[in-house]
Amino acid sequence: MAAVPLTINDRPLGIDMDPETPLLWALRDEANLTGTKYGCGNGDCGSCMVLIDGTALRSCLVTLGEAEGRFVQTIEGLSRGGLHPVQQALVDEGAIQCGFCTPGVVMAIVGLLARSPRPSEEQIAEAIPNICRCGTYPRIKRAILRASGQRIPRVEARPAPAEATPDTAPAPGFEIAPGEEA
């Protein structure tokens, strides 16, 4: 079996794996680029998103053979001197919680902004299929607006219940300290 040639993060590589292997596993196991995450393996979650020739694609659905001769960019190759503006926007908006989905979300946003520098809400919804287990979708959307230089809508604070009752009291371990954001 001959090595499959491709360029990963601006570096030409030959990967000695079966061409039918999902690109995800070639990146993680052979190129040691573990920022691309395995989530579902069938293209539903977006945690394995990479840019292939500038387009955000799920690397679990692209075979190594399909990536032959193409330019692949992973989260590791996104920025060499600090945070990429998309990463900084996610930090600024508090959109990073557990971090598992973050590399895929970042790559999906970078792909979106490359083709639509000021995306509409519809374009955002269509281009960011990623599943965030922490549910930070409103913050992710705000980060996209921030990274694209668009106006960020003001978030209205939720009023606190006047008196905690069994129906409104937080579950044990989930109490919010005074001054802490919900």
C-alpha atoms as a PDB file:
ATOM      1  CA  MET A   1       0.000   0.000   0.000  1.00  0.00           C
ATOM      2  CA  ALA A   2       1.404   3.370  -1.025  1.00  0.00           C
ATOM      3  CA  ALA A   3       1.235   6.387   1.253  1.00  0.00           C
ATOM      4  CA  VAL A   4      -1.705   8.703   0.557  1.00  0.00           C
ATOM      5  CA  PRO A   5      -0.316  12.218  -0.114  1.00  0.00           C
ATOM      6  CA  LEU A   6      -2.091  15.261   1.276  1.00  0.00           C
ATOM      7  CA  THR A   7      -1.210  18.563   2.896  1.00  0.00           C
ATOM      8  CA  ILE A   8      -2.149  18.945   6.549  1.00  0.00           C
ATOM      9  CA  ASN A   9      -1.733  22.353   8.172  1.00  0.00           C
ATOM     10  CA  ASP A  10       0.504  23.513   5.308  1.00  0.00           C
ATOM     11  CA  ARG A  11       2.760  20.465   5.663  1.00  0.00           C
ATOM     12  CA  PRO A  12       2.903  17.817   2.928  1.00  0.00           C
ATOM     13  CA  LEU A  13       2.416  14.351   4.394  1.00  0.00           C
ATOM     14  CA  GLY A  14       2.100  10.826   3.138  1.00  0.00           C
ATOM     15  CA  ILE A  15      -0.151   8.688   5.337  1.00  0.00           C
ATOM     16  CA  ASP A  16       0.341   4.925   5.282  1.00  0.00           C
ATOM     17  CA  MET A  17      -3.207   3.776   5.917  1.00  0.00           C
ATOM     18  CA  ASP A  18      -5.969   2.145   3.912  1.00  0.00           C
ATOM     19  CA  PRO A  19      -7.469   4.851   1.653  1.00  0.00           C
ATOM     20  CA  GLU A  20     -10.933   3.845   2.930  1.00  0.00           C
ATOM     21  CA  THR A  21      -9.986   4.869   6.485  1.00  0.00           C
ATOM     22  CA  PRO A  22     -11.943   7.889   7.711  1.00  0.00           C
ATOM     23  CA  LEU A  23      -9.761  11.003   7.587  1.00  0.00           C
ATOM     24  CA  LEU A  24     -10.535  11.486  11.292  1.00  0.00           C
ATOM     25  CA  TRP A  25      -8.494   8.410  12.220  1.00  0.00           C
ATOM     26  CA  ALA A  26      -5.648   9.303   9.847  1.00  0.00           C
ATOM     27  CA  LEU A  27      -5.405  12.713  11.540  1.00  0.00           C
ATOM     28  CA  ARG A  28      -5.595  11.357  15.080  1.00  0.00           C
ATOM     29  CA  ASP A  29      -3.650   8.085  14.768  1.00  0.00           C
ATOM     30  CA  GLU A  30      -1.055   8.787  12.074  1.00  0.00           C
ATOM     31  CA  ALA A  31      -0.585  12.566  12.109  1.00  0.00           C
ATOM     32  CA  ASN A  32      -1.018  12.782  15.924  1.00  0.00           C
ATOM     33  CA  LEU A  33      -3.438  15.714  15.549  1.00  0.00           C
ATOM     34  CA  THR A  34      -5.832  14.907  18.370  1.00  0.00           C
ATOM     35  CA  GLY A  35      -7.643  18.246  18.439  1.00  0.00           C
ATOM     36  CA  THR A  36     -10.044  16.762  15.908  1.00  0.00           C
ATOM     37  CA  LYS A  37     -12.435  14.848  18.160  1.00  0.00           C
ATOM     38  CA  TYR A  38     -14.321  11.612  17.674  1.00  0.00           C
ATOM     39  CA  GLY A  39     -17.895  12.133  18.780  1.00  0.00           C
ATOM     40  CA  CYS A  40     -20.473  10.050  16.945  1.00  0.00           C
ATOM     41  CA  GLY A  41     -18.675   8.588  13.925  1.00  0.00           C
ATOM     42  CA  ASN A  42     -21.627   9.178  11.605  1.00  0.00           C
ATOM     43  CA  GLY A  43     -21.529  12.930  10.911  1.00  0.00           C
ATOM     44  CA  ASP A  44     -24.209  14.065  13.337  1.00  0.00           C
ATOM     45  CA  CYS A  45     -22.237  15.905  16.036  1.00  0.00           C
ATOM     46  CA  GLY A  46     -19.618  17.976  14.169  1.00  0.00           C
ATOM     47  CA  SER A  47     -16.851  17.396  16.725  1.00  0.00           C
ATOM     48  CA  CYS A  48     -14.548  16.137  13.957  1.00  0.00           C
ATOM     49  CA  MET A  49     -14.956  19.207  11.724  1.00  0.00           C
ATOM     50  CA  VAL A  50     -11.872  20.231   9.713  1.00  0.00           C
ATOM     51  CA  LEU A  51     -11.359  22.469   6.706  1.00  0.00           C
ATOM     52  CA  ILE A  52     -10.681  20.664   3.441  1.00  0.00           C
ATOM     53  CA  ASP A  53      -9.677  23.066   0.690  1.00  0.00           C
ATOM     54  CA  GLY A  54     -11.274  25.788   2.842  1.00  0.00           C
ATOM     55  CA  THR A  55     -14.633  24.079   3.328  1.00  0.00           C
ATOM     56  CA  ALA A  56     -15.739  22.823   6.746  1.00  0.00           C
ATOM     57  CA  LEU A  57     -16.354  19.072   6.506  1.00  0.00           C
ATOM     58  CA  ARG A  58     -16.866  16.269   9.003  1.00  0.00           C
ATOM     59  CA  SER A  59     -13.672  14.211   8.889  1.00  0.00           C
ATOM     60  CA  CYS A  60     -15.492  11.060  10.021  1.00  0.00           C
ATOM     61  CA  LEU A  61     -17.376  11.102   6.689  1.00  0.00           C
ATOM     62  CA  VAL A  62     -14.394  11.799   4.411  1.00  0.00           C
ATOM     63  CA  THR A  63     -12.077   8.936   3.594  1.00  0.00           C
ATOM     64  CA  LEU A  64      -8.328   9.330   3.452  1.00  0.00           C
ATOM     65  CA  GLY A  65      -8.542   8.501  -0.274  1.00  0.00           C
ATOM     66  CA  GLU A  66     -11.060  11.334  -0.820  1.00  0.00           C
ATOM     67  CA  ALA A  67      -8.640  13.730   0.900  1.00  0.00           C
ATOM     68  CA  GLU A  68      -5.741  12.687  -1.340  1.00  0.00           C
ATOM     69  CA  GLY A  69      -3.947  15.703  -2.776  1.00  0.00           C
ATOM     70  CA  ARG A  70      -6.145  18.151  -0.874  1.00  0.00           C
ATOM     71  CA  PHE A  71      -5.338  20.790   1.751  1.00  0.00           C
ATOM     72  CA  VAL A  72      -6.562  19.851   5.228  1.00  0.00           C
ATOM     73  CA  GLN A  73      -6.548  22.291   8.107  1.00  0.00           C
ATOM     74  CA  THR A  74      -7.144  21.173  11.680  1.00  0.00           C
ATOM     75  CA  ILE A  75      -7.549  23.191  14.853  1.00  0.00           C
ATOM     76  CA  GLU A  76      -3.816  22.770  15.492  1.00  0.00           C
ATOM     77  CA  GLY A  77      -2.974  24.588  12.249  1.00  0.00           C
ATOM     78  CA  LEU A  78      -5.438  27.424  12.684  1.00  0.00           C
ATOM     79  CA  SER A  79      -3.230  29.885  14.511  1.00  0.00           C
ATOM     80  CA  ARG A  80       0.442  29.789  15.249  1.00  0.00           C
ATOM     81  CA  GLY A  81       0.771  32.968  17.338  1.00  0.00           C
ATOM     82  CA  GLY A  82      -1.969  32.958  19.972  1.00  0.00           C
ATOM     83  CA  LEU A  83      -5.695  32.610  19.618  1.00  0.00           C
ATOM     84  CA  HIS A  84      -7.414  32.902  16.254  1.00  0.00           C
ATOM     85  CA  PRO A  85     -10.081  35.678  16.256  1.00  0.00           C
ATOM     86  CA  VAL A  86     -12.849  33.034  16.283  1.00  0.00           C
ATOM     87  CA  GLN A  87     -11.294  31.346  19.314  1.00  0.00           C
ATOM     88  CA  GLN A  88     -10.987  34.725  21.054  1.00  0.00           C
ATOM     89  CA  ALA A  89     -14.631  35.550  20.295  1.00  0.00           C
ATOM     90  CA  LEU A  90     -15.733  32.240  21.823  1.00  0.00           C
ATOM     91  CA  VAL A  91     -13.697  33.007  24.941  1.00  0.00           C
ATOM     92  CA  ASP A  92     -15.054  36.570  25.116  1.00  0.00           C
ATOM     93  CA  GLU A  93     -18.649  35.344  24.895  1.00  0.00           C
ATOM     94  CA  GLY A  94     -18.168  32.559  27.459  1.00  0.00           C
ATOM     95  CA  ALA A  95     -19.123  29.964  24.851  1.00  0.00           C
ATOM     96  CA  ILE A  96     -16.558  27.405  25.954  1.00  0.00           C
ATOM     97  CA  GLN A  97     -17.740  25.110  28.707  1.00  0.00           C
ATOM     98  CA  CYS A  98     -16.429  21.527  28.722  1.00  0.00           C
ATOM     99  CA  GLY A  99     -14.464  22.172  25.516  1.00  0.00           C
ATOM    100  CA  PHE A 100     -15.183  18.878  23.771  1.00  0.00           C
ATOM    101  CA  CYS A 101     -17.074  20.438  20.856  1.00  0.00           C
ATOM    102  CA  THR A 102     -14.904  23.553  20.685  1.00  0.00           C
ATOM    103  CA  PRO A 103     -12.416  22.468  17.958  1.00  0.00           C
ATOM    104  CA  GLY A 104     -15.231  21.400  15.637  1.00  0.00           C
ATOM    105  CA  VAL A 105     -17.249  24.537  16.369  1.00  0.00           C
ATOM    106  CA  VAL A 106     -14.218  26.740  15.703  1.00  0.00           C
ATOM    107  CA  MET A 107     -13.504  25.059  12.379  1.00  0.00           C
ATOM    108  CA  ALA A 108     -17.166  25.294  11.318  1.00  0.00           C
ATOM    109  CA  ILE A 109     -17.210  29.025  12.169  1.00  0.00           C
ATOM    110  CA  VAL A 110     -13.913  29.670  10.346  1.00  0.00           C
ATOM    111  CA  GLY A 111     -15.318  27.911   7.275  1.00  0.00           C
ATOM    112  CA  LEU A 112     -18.535  29.943   7.486  1.00  0.00           C
ATOM    113  CA  LEU A 113     -16.751  33.285   7.858  1.00  0.00           C
ATOM    114  CA  ALA A 114     -14.398  32.468   4.966  1.00  0.00           C
ATOM    115  CA  ARG A 115     -17.322  32.262   2.559  1.00  0.00           C
ATOM    116  CA  SER A 116     -19.743  34.677   4.332  1.00  0.00           C
ATOM    117  CA  PRO A 117     -17.820  37.332   6.286  1.00  0.00           C
ATOM    118  CA  ARG A 118     -21.072  38.797   7.706  1.00  0.00           C
ATOM    119  CA  PRO A 119     -23.409  35.791   7.867  1.00  0.00           C
ATOM    120  CA  SER A 120     -27.148  36.037   8.386  1.00  0.00           C
ATOM    121  CA  GLU A 121     -28.934  34.108  11.124  1.00  0.00           C
ATOM    122  CA  GLU A 122     -30.048  31.570   8.509  1.00  0.00           C
ATOM    123  CA  GLN A 123     -26.486  31.098   7.258  1.00  0.00           C
ATOM    124  CA  ILE A 124     -25.274  30.627  10.839  1.00  0.00           C
ATOM    125  CA  ALA A 125     -27.962  28.050  11.585  1.00  0.00           C
ATOM    126  CA  GLU A 126     -27.166  26.141   8.390  1.00  0.00           C
ATOM    127  CA  ALA A 127     -23.368  26.267   8.702  1.00  0.00           C
ATOM    128  CA  ILE A 128     -23.014  25.329  12.378  1.00  0.00           C
ATOM    129  CA  PRO A 129     -24.521  21.846  12.771  1.00  0.00           C
ATOM    130  CA  ASN A 130     -22.344  21.074  15.785  1.00  0.00           C
ATOM    131  CA  ILE A 131     -23.820  19.564  18.914  1.00  0.00           C
ATOM    132  CA  CYS A 132     -22.756  21.302  22.115  1.00  0.00           C
ATOM    133  CA  ARG A 133     -23.463  19.086  25.112  1.00  0.00           C
ATOM    134  CA  CYS A 134     -23.311  22.161  27.369  1.00  0.00           C
ATOM    135  CA  GLY A 135     -25.950  24.015  25.327  1.00  0.00           C
ATOM    136  CA  THR A 136     -23.978  27.204  24.686  1.00  0.00           C
ATOM    137  CA  TYR A 137     -25.700  27.845  21.346  1.00  0.00           C
ATOM    138  CA  PRO A 138     -26.748  31.458  22.106  1.00  0.00           C
ATOM    139  CA  ARG A 139     -23.166  32.244  23.157  1.00  0.00           C
ATOM    140  CA  ILE A 140     -21.764  30.531  20.061  1.00  0.00           C
ATOM    141  CA  LYS A 141     -24.057  32.674  17.905  1.00  0.00           C
ATOM    142  CA  ARG A 142     -22.909  35.812  19.751  1.00  0.00           C
ATOM    143  CA  ALA A 143     -19.278  34.749  19.203  1.00  0.00           C
ATOM    144  CA  ILE A 144     -19.934  34.407  15.468  1.00  0.00           C
ATOM    145  CA  LEU A 145     -21.416  37.899  15.391  1.00  0.00           C
ATOM    146  CA  ARG A 146     -18.432  39.225  17.383  1.00  0.00           C
ATOM    147  CA  ALA A 147     -15.886  37.524  15.106  1.00  0.00           C
ATOM    148  CA  SER A 148     -17.657  38.878  12.021  1.00  0.00           C
ATOM    149  CA  GLY A 149     -17.773  42.418  13.409  1.00  0.00           C
ATOM    150  CA  GLN A 150     -21.568  42.504  13.592  1.00  0.00           C
ATOM    151  CA  ARG A 151     -23.676  44.061  16.321  1.00  0.00           C
ATOM    152  CA  ILE A 152     -24.234  41.726  19.254  1.00  0.00           C
ATOM    153  CA  PRO A 153     -27.749  41.901  20.699  1.00  0.00           C
ATOM    154  CA  ARG A 154     -27.973  42.800  24.378  1.00  0.00           C
ATOM    155  CA  VAL A 155     -28.842  39.917  26.681  1.00  0.00           C
ATOM    156  CA  GLU A 156     -31.619  40.691  29.134  1.00  0.00           C
ATOM    157  CA  ALA A 157     -31.075  39.505  32.702  1.00  0.00           C
ATOM    158  CA  ARG A 158     -33.639  37.080  34.060  1.00  0.00           C
ATOM    159  CA  PRO A 159     -35.398  38.274  37.213  1.00  0.00           C
ATOM    160  CA  ALA A 160     -34.786  36.129  40.283  1.00  0.00           C
ATOM    161  CA  PRO A 161     -37.844  34.437  41.818  1.00  0.00           C
ATOM    162  CA  ALA A 162     -39.195  36.468  44.745  1.00  0.00           C
ATOM    163  CA  GLU A 163     -39.124  33.500  47.062  1.00  0.00           C
ATOM    164  CA  ALA A 164     -37.694  30.036  46.509  1.00  0.00           C
ATOM    165  CA  THR A 165     -40.333  27.329  46.625  1.00  0.00           C
ATOM    166  CA  PRO A 166     -39.808  23.624  45.988  1.00  0.00           C
ATOM    167  CA  ASP A 167     -40.766  24.318  42.357  1.00  0.00           C
ATOM    168  CA  THR A 168     -38.315  27.214  41.882  1.00  0.00           C
ATOM    169  CA  ALA A 169     -35.435  26.267  44.201  1.00  0.00           C
ATOM    170  CA  PRO A 170     -32.281  25.078  42.404  1.00  0.00           C
ATOM    171  CA  ALA A 171     -31.427  21.405  42.629  1.00  0.00           C
ATOM    172  CA  PRO A 172     -28.849  20.562  45.324  1.00  0.00           C
ATOM    173  CA  GLY A 173     -25.373  21.325  44.031  1.00  0.00           C
ATOM    174  CA  PHE A 174     -26.694  23.779  41.433  1.00  0.00           C
ATOM    175  CA  GLU A 175     -27.222  26.811  43.637  1.00  0.00           C
ATOM    176  CA  ILE A 176     -26.079  30.094  42.165  1.00  0.00           C
ATOM    177  CA  ALA A 177     -23.928  32.195  44.438  1.00  0.00           C
ATOM    178  CA  PRO A 178     -24.834  35.891  44.811  1.00  0.00           C
ATOM    179  CA  GLY A 179     -23.343  37.838  41.903  1.00  0.00           C
ATOM    180  CA  GLU A 180     -22.727  34.671  39.844  1.00  0.00           C
ATOM    181  CA  GLU A 181     -24.222  34.451  36.356  1.00  0.00           C
ATOM    182  CA  ALA A 182     -26.811  31.731  35.703  1.00  0.00           C
END
